[in-house]
Amino acid sequence: MTTDGAILSLETLRESLRGAGGSRPGLSIQAEEVTSITPEVYRFLERHIVDGIVVGVRVVTAVMENALLLGVQETARR
């Protein structure tokens, strides 16, 4: 879901994450270790990388319904 309440499909979310790389010069975002907690809830590790260096790591929980993203919770890791 976007900040204005629009519900996103999984592919739209992936595309927006790919596109977010331009919001900070050199930033790329990698999603890995995707785990299905239930058919509607997924957890994955998100790495923010700048110039080949990991500058941030988050554990992300996404709630989906009928392939639409209903909500996301990100928790920063040190």
Protein backbone atom coordinates (compact mmCIF):
# COMPACT_ATOMS: atom_id res chain seq x y z
CA MET A 1 0.00 0.00 0.00
CA THR A 2 1.29 3.43 -0.84
CA THR A 3 1.27 6.35 1.56
CA ASP A 4 -1.93 7.58 -0.09
CA GLY A 5 -3.66 4.19 0.39
CA ALA A 6 -3.34 2.66 -3.09
CA ILE A 7 -3.06 -1.14 -3.05
CA LEU A 8 -0.19 -2.48 -5.16
CA SER A 9 0.23 -5.81 -6.92
CA LEU A 10 3.38 -7.79 -6.14
CA GLU A 11 4.83 -6.96 -9.56
CA THR A 12 4.11 -3.24 -9.08
CA LEU A 13 5.88 -3.38 -5.70
CA ARG A 14 8.88 -5.08 -7.28
CA GLU A 15 9.01 -2.47 -10.04
CA SER A 16 8.78 0.39 -7.54
CA LEU A 17 11.62 -1.11 -5.49
CA ARG A 18 13.72 -1.44 -8.63
CA GLY A 19 12.90 2.17 -9.51
CA ALA A 20 13.77 3.40 -6.02
CA GLY A 21 17.44 2.94 -6.84
CA GLY A 22 17.46 6.42 -8.36
CA SER A 23 16.30 8.07 -5.15
CA ARG A 24 19.86 7.95 -3.80
CA PRO A 25 22.76 8.00 -6.23
CA GLY A 26 24.27 4.53 -6.52
CA LEU A 27 21.59 2.87 -4.37
CA SER A 28 20.42 -0.61 -5.26
CA ILE A 29 17.96 -2.68 -3.23
CA GLN A 30 18.20 -6.47 -3.07
CA ALA A 31 15.38 -8.63 -1.73
CA GLU A 32 16.44 -12.12 -0.67
CA GLU A 33 15.54 -14.96 1.67
CA VAL A 34 11.84 -14.68 0.80
CA THR A 35 9.80 -16.87 3.15
CA SER A 36 6.07 -17.55 3.01
CA ILE A 37 4.78 -17.40 6.59
CA THR A 38 1.20 -18.06 5.46
CA PRO A 39 -0.33 -17.87 1.95
CA GLU A 40 -0.92 -14.15 2.61
CA VAL A 41 2.17 -13.15 4.64
CA TYR A 42 5.76 -13.07 3.37
CA ARG A 43 9.00 -12.11 5.06
CA PHE A 44 12.22 -11.20 3.30
CA LEU A 45 15.57 -9.55 3.87
CA GLU A 46 16.11 -6.23 2.09
CA ARG A 47 19.68 -4.98 1.59
CA HIS A 48 20.44 -1.40 0.58
CA ILE A 49 23.73 -1.23 -1.30
CA VAL A 50 25.68 1.85 -2.39
CA ASP A 51 28.87 1.47 -4.42
CA GLY A 52 29.07 -2.23 -3.54
CA ILE A 53 28.78 -1.61 0.24
CA VAL A 54 25.76 -2.69 2.28
CA VAL A 55 24.54 0.51 3.95
CA GLY A 56 21.29 -0.83 5.40
CA VAL A 57 19.52 -4.11 6.10
CA ARG A 58 15.83 -4.52 6.88
CA VAL A 59 13.57 -7.43 7.67
CA VAL A 60 10.38 -6.82 5.72
CA THR A 61 6.99 -8.41 6.34
CA ALA A 62 4.46 -8.02 3.53
CA VAL A 63 0.77 -8.87 3.72
CA MET A 64 -0.80 -9.86 0.41
CA GLU A 65 -4.31 -10.76 -0.74
CA ASN A 66 -5.14 -11.98 -4.24
CA ALA A 67 -1.65 -10.90 -5.40
CA LEU A 68 -2.22 -7.35 -4.08
CA LEU A 69 -0.02 -5.78 -1.43
CA LEU A 70 -2.08 -4.75 1.60
CA GLY A 71 0.69 -3.70 3.99
CA VAL A 72 4.43 -3.68 4.65
CA GLN A 73 6.38 -3.52 7.90
CA GLU A 74 10.12 -2.85 7.75
CA THR A 75 12.40 -3.41 10.74
CA ALA A 76 15.98 -2.14 10.49
CA ARG A 77 18.78 -4.54 11.38
CA ARG A 78 22.18 -3.49 12.64
